[in-house]
Amino acid sequence: MDEFVIRLNGKPKEYVDRFIEKGYFNTKSEIIRLGIMELASKYKIDDPSYEEVTLVNKAIKKEMNKIKTNKTKVHSQEEFLNLFPHLKKVKLWCLLYDVIYSDYFKKDLLKQDKLLQIIIYKKILKISFETLISRKHLMYGQPYFVEKISESSRLVYNISENKLYIIWFFRDHKDYEKWYKS
């Protein structure tokens, strides 16, 4: 067991004294232990999803490195629309980012039916139209994003240097898990 000294003054000391006076706790150590447990709960230190997020972050970093070092092929918005001509019918808003599509994403999208392709494309346009401030990062402060498309499908992307990198699409959680654990 580790031992250490904590110096308290001001409000924290006042609160500790009041907790003991009112009988909520018997010792200062109990208060400190509970405070640590509450913080661990608040910041989800023992959350099993932390491991998943860490693995996803590692997998995205790997993919982004491949993209930035030209080890994987990417497609511009124009090239992408030439590959999927039916998506040209979707109303195009003013994009805040240059959209870059990974070859992995293109291959995944080719496997989907046209209706799902349109839904995914509309989601990408919506993402590219919103400011970075309104986006939700992956949990635990990770710099990447995973967008829910349907109940089980996910879109993995990154925003960097005024570019929106569409990295991967997963039809279900099983594919998603397989990817981030590889």
Protein backbone atom coordinates (compact mmCIF):
# COMPACT_ATOMS: atom_id res chain seq x y z
CA MET A 1 0.00 0.00 0.00
CA ASP A 2 1.32 3.43 -0.96
CA GLU A 3 1.26 6.25 1.57
CA PHE A 4 1.50 9.95 0.84
CA VAL A 5 0.77 13.30 2.43
CA ILE A 6 -1.89 15.63 1.09
CA ARG A 7 -1.88 19.25 2.15
CA LEU A 8 -5.30 20.87 2.02
CA ASN A 9 -6.29 24.44 2.67
CA GLY A 10 -9.17 26.70 1.76
CA LYS A 11 -12.39 25.17 0.42
CA PRO A 12 -11.09 21.57 0.01
CA LYS A 13 -10.02 21.49 3.70
CA GLU A 14 -13.31 23.07 4.74
CA TYR A 15 -15.29 20.42 2.82
CA VAL A 16 -13.27 17.57 4.31
CA ASP A 17 -13.85 18.91 7.84
CA ARG A 18 -17.60 19.31 7.20
CA PHE A 19 -17.93 15.78 5.78
CA ILE A 20 -16.43 14.37 8.98
CA GLU A 21 -18.39 16.74 11.28
CA LYS A 22 -21.68 15.74 9.67
CA GLY A 23 -20.79 12.05 9.96
CA TYR A 24 -20.70 11.27 6.24
CA PHE A 25 -17.19 9.84 6.66
CA ASN A 26 -15.10 8.70 9.61
CA THR A 27 -11.67 9.64 8.23
CA LYS A 28 -10.03 11.95 5.72
CA SER A 29 -8.66 8.88 3.95
CA GLU A 30 -12.19 7.62 3.26
CA ILE A 31 -13.05 10.96 1.65
CA ILE A 32 -9.94 10.91 -0.54
CA ARG A 33 -10.51 7.27 -1.59
CA LEU A 34 -14.13 7.98 -2.51
CA GLY A 35 -13.10 11.14 -4.38
CA ILE A 36 -10.60 9.13 -6.42
CA MET A 37 -13.23 6.47 -7.20
CA GLU A 38 -15.73 9.15 -8.27
CA LEU A 39 -13.17 10.75 -10.58
CA ALA A 40 -12.29 7.34 -12.05
CA SER A 41 -15.99 6.79 -12.72
CA LYS A 42 -16.49 10.27 -14.17
CA TYR A 43 -13.53 9.92 -16.55
CA LYS A 44 -14.37 6.27 -17.33
CA ILE A 45 -10.93 4.96 -16.37
CA ASP A 46 -12.22 1.37 -16.07
CA ASP A 47 -14.65 1.64 -18.98
CA PRO A 48 -14.20 -1.40 -21.27
CA SER A 49 -14.84 0.82 -24.28
CA TYR A 50 -11.55 2.61 -23.51
CA GLU A 51 -9.65 -0.35 -24.96
CA GLU A 52 -11.83 -0.26 -28.09
CA VAL A 53 -11.28 3.46 -28.55
CA THR A 54 -7.53 3.02 -28.10
CA LEU A 55 -7.47 0.25 -30.71
CA VAL A 56 -9.62 2.29 -33.12
CA ASN A 57 -7.30 5.27 -32.65
CA LYS A 58 -4.27 3.08 -33.41
CA ALA A 59 -5.94 1.65 -36.53
CA ILE A 60 -6.94 5.11 -37.81
CA LYS A 61 -3.43 6.46 -37.22
CA LYS A 62 -2.08 3.55 -39.25
CA GLU A 63 -4.52 4.25 -42.11
CA MET A 64 -3.83 8.00 -42.05
CA ASN A 65 -0.10 7.30 -42.20
CA LYS A 66 -0.66 5.09 -45.27
CA ILE A 67 -2.71 7.85 -46.90
CA LYS A 68 -0.23 10.63 -46.14
CA THR A 69 2.77 8.56 -47.30
CA ASN A 70 0.94 7.56 -50.51
CA LYS A 71 0.96 3.87 -49.57
CA THR A 72 -2.76 3.68 -50.21
CA LYS A 73 -4.63 5.16 -53.12
CA VAL A 74 -7.01 8.05 -52.51
CA HIS A 75 -9.73 9.65 -54.63
CA SER A 76 -10.76 13.28 -54.94
CA GLN A 77 -14.42 14.33 -54.84
CA GLU A 78 -14.49 14.46 -58.65
CA GLU A 79 -12.90 11.01 -59.09
CA PHE A 80 -15.24 9.59 -56.47
CA LEU A 81 -18.34 10.91 -58.23
CA ASN A 82 -17.08 9.46 -61.52
CA LEU A 83 -16.87 6.06 -59.81
CA PHE A 84 -20.41 6.46 -58.42
CA PRO A 85 -22.30 8.50 -61.05
CA HIS A 86 -25.70 8.04 -59.35
CA LEU A 87 -24.39 10.11 -56.42
CA LYS A 88 -24.10 13.15 -58.69
CA LYS A 89 -27.88 13.53 -58.31
CA VAL A 90 -27.47 14.26 -54.60
CA LYS A 91 -27.61 17.98 -53.91
CA LEU A 92 -24.11 19.23 -53.17
CA TRP A 93 -23.78 21.90 -50.50
CA CYS A 94 -20.90 24.27 -50.05
CA LEU A 95 -18.16 22.05 -48.67
CA LEU A 96 -15.93 23.41 -45.92
CA TYR A 97 -13.28 20.75 -46.57
CA ASP A 98 -11.66 19.06 -49.53
CA VAL A 99 -13.03 15.54 -49.33
CA ILE A 100 -10.49 12.75 -49.84
CA TYR A 101 -11.75 9.16 -50.12
CA SER A 102 -9.48 6.23 -49.30
CA ASP A 103 -9.41 3.29 -51.65
CA TYR A 104 -10.53 1.10 -48.73
CA PHE A 105 -13.66 3.20 -48.42
CA LYS A 106 -14.31 3.02 -52.17
CA LYS A 107 -14.03 -0.80 -52.08
CA ASP A 108 -16.38 -1.00 -49.10
CA LEU A 109 -18.89 1.31 -50.74
CA LEU A 110 -18.90 -0.72 -53.96
CA LYS A 111 -20.20 -3.69 -51.92
CA GLN A 112 -23.26 -1.73 -50.73
CA ASP A 113 -26.55 -1.26 -52.53
CA LYS A 114 -27.23 2.11 -54.20
CA LEU A 115 -29.67 3.30 -51.55
CA LEU A 116 -27.12 2.80 -48.78
CA GLN A 117 -24.45 4.46 -50.93
CA ILE A 118 -26.67 7.54 -51.21
CA ILE A 119 -27.33 7.58 -47.45
CA ILE A 120 -23.60 7.35 -46.73
CA TYR A 121 -22.78 10.03 -49.28
CA LYS A 122 -25.38 12.39 -47.81
CA LYS A 123 -23.84 11.83 -44.37
CA ILE A 124 -20.39 12.68 -45.78
CA LEU A 125 -21.77 15.87 -47.33
CA LYS A 126 -23.35 16.79 -44.01
CA ILE A 127 -20.04 16.19 -42.22
CA SER A 128 -18.14 18.23 -44.80
CA PHE A 129 -20.63 21.08 -44.42
CA GLU A 130 -20.42 21.31 -40.63
CA THR A 131 -17.67 23.11 -38.80
CA LEU A 132 -15.10 21.16 -36.83
CA ILE A 133 -16.48 22.66 -33.63
CA SER A 134 -19.81 20.88 -34.07
CA ARG A 135 -18.21 17.46 -34.63
CA LYS A 136 -17.92 14.92 -31.86
CA HIS A 137 -14.52 13.35 -31.41
CA LEU A 138 -13.99 9.73 -30.63
CA MET A 139 -14.17 9.29 -26.85
CA TYR A 140 -11.27 10.00 -24.49
CA GLY A 141 -10.00 12.99 -26.48
CA GLN A 142 -8.95 10.99 -29.54
CA PRO A 143 -8.53 13.20 -32.63
CA TYR A 144 -10.53 10.98 -35.00
CA PHE A 145 -14.22 10.48 -35.66
CA VAL A 146 -16.58 7.53 -36.02
CA GLU A 147 -20.01 8.48 -37.36
CA LYS A 148 -23.05 6.27 -36.92
CA ILE A 149 -24.77 5.70 -40.28
CA SER A 150 -27.36 3.15 -39.19
CA GLU A 151 -27.93 1.04 -36.09
CA SER A 152 -24.91 -1.14 -36.88
CA SER A 153 -22.91 0.64 -39.61
CA ARG A 154 -20.15 3.19 -39.01
CA LEU A 155 -18.12 5.67 -41.05
CA VAL A 156 -14.53 6.32 -39.91
CA TYR A 157 -12.99 9.65 -40.87
CA ASN A 158 -10.46 12.29 -39.95
CA ILE A 159 -10.27 16.03 -40.45
CA SER A 160 -6.79 17.41 -40.92
CA GLU A 161 -5.30 20.42 -42.69
CA ASN A 162 -8.65 21.50 -44.20
CA LYS A 163 -9.22 18.04 -45.62
CA LEU A 164 -11.89 15.53 -44.71
CA TYR A 165 -10.41 12.04 -45.06
CA ILE A 166 -13.06 9.35 -45.46
CA ILE A 167 -11.15 6.28 -44.34
CA TRP A 168 -13.49 3.35 -43.92
CA PHE A 169 -17.10 2.19 -43.89
CA PHE A 170 -18.31 -0.78 -41.85
CA ARG A 171 -21.61 -2.47 -42.53
CA ASP A 172 -21.73 -4.02 -39.05
CA HIS A 173 -19.92 -4.05 -35.74
CA LYS A 174 -18.24 -7.38 -36.53
CA ASP A 175 -16.36 -5.84 -39.49
CA TYR A 176 -15.57 -2.78 -37.40
CA GLU A 177 -14.16 -4.91 -34.57
CA LYS A 178 -12.15 -7.05 -36.99
CA TRP A 179 -10.61 -3.91 -38.50
CA TYR A 180 -9.55 -2.16 -35.30
CA LYS A 181 -8.21 -5.36 -33.73
CA SER A 182 -6.05 -6.20 -36.77
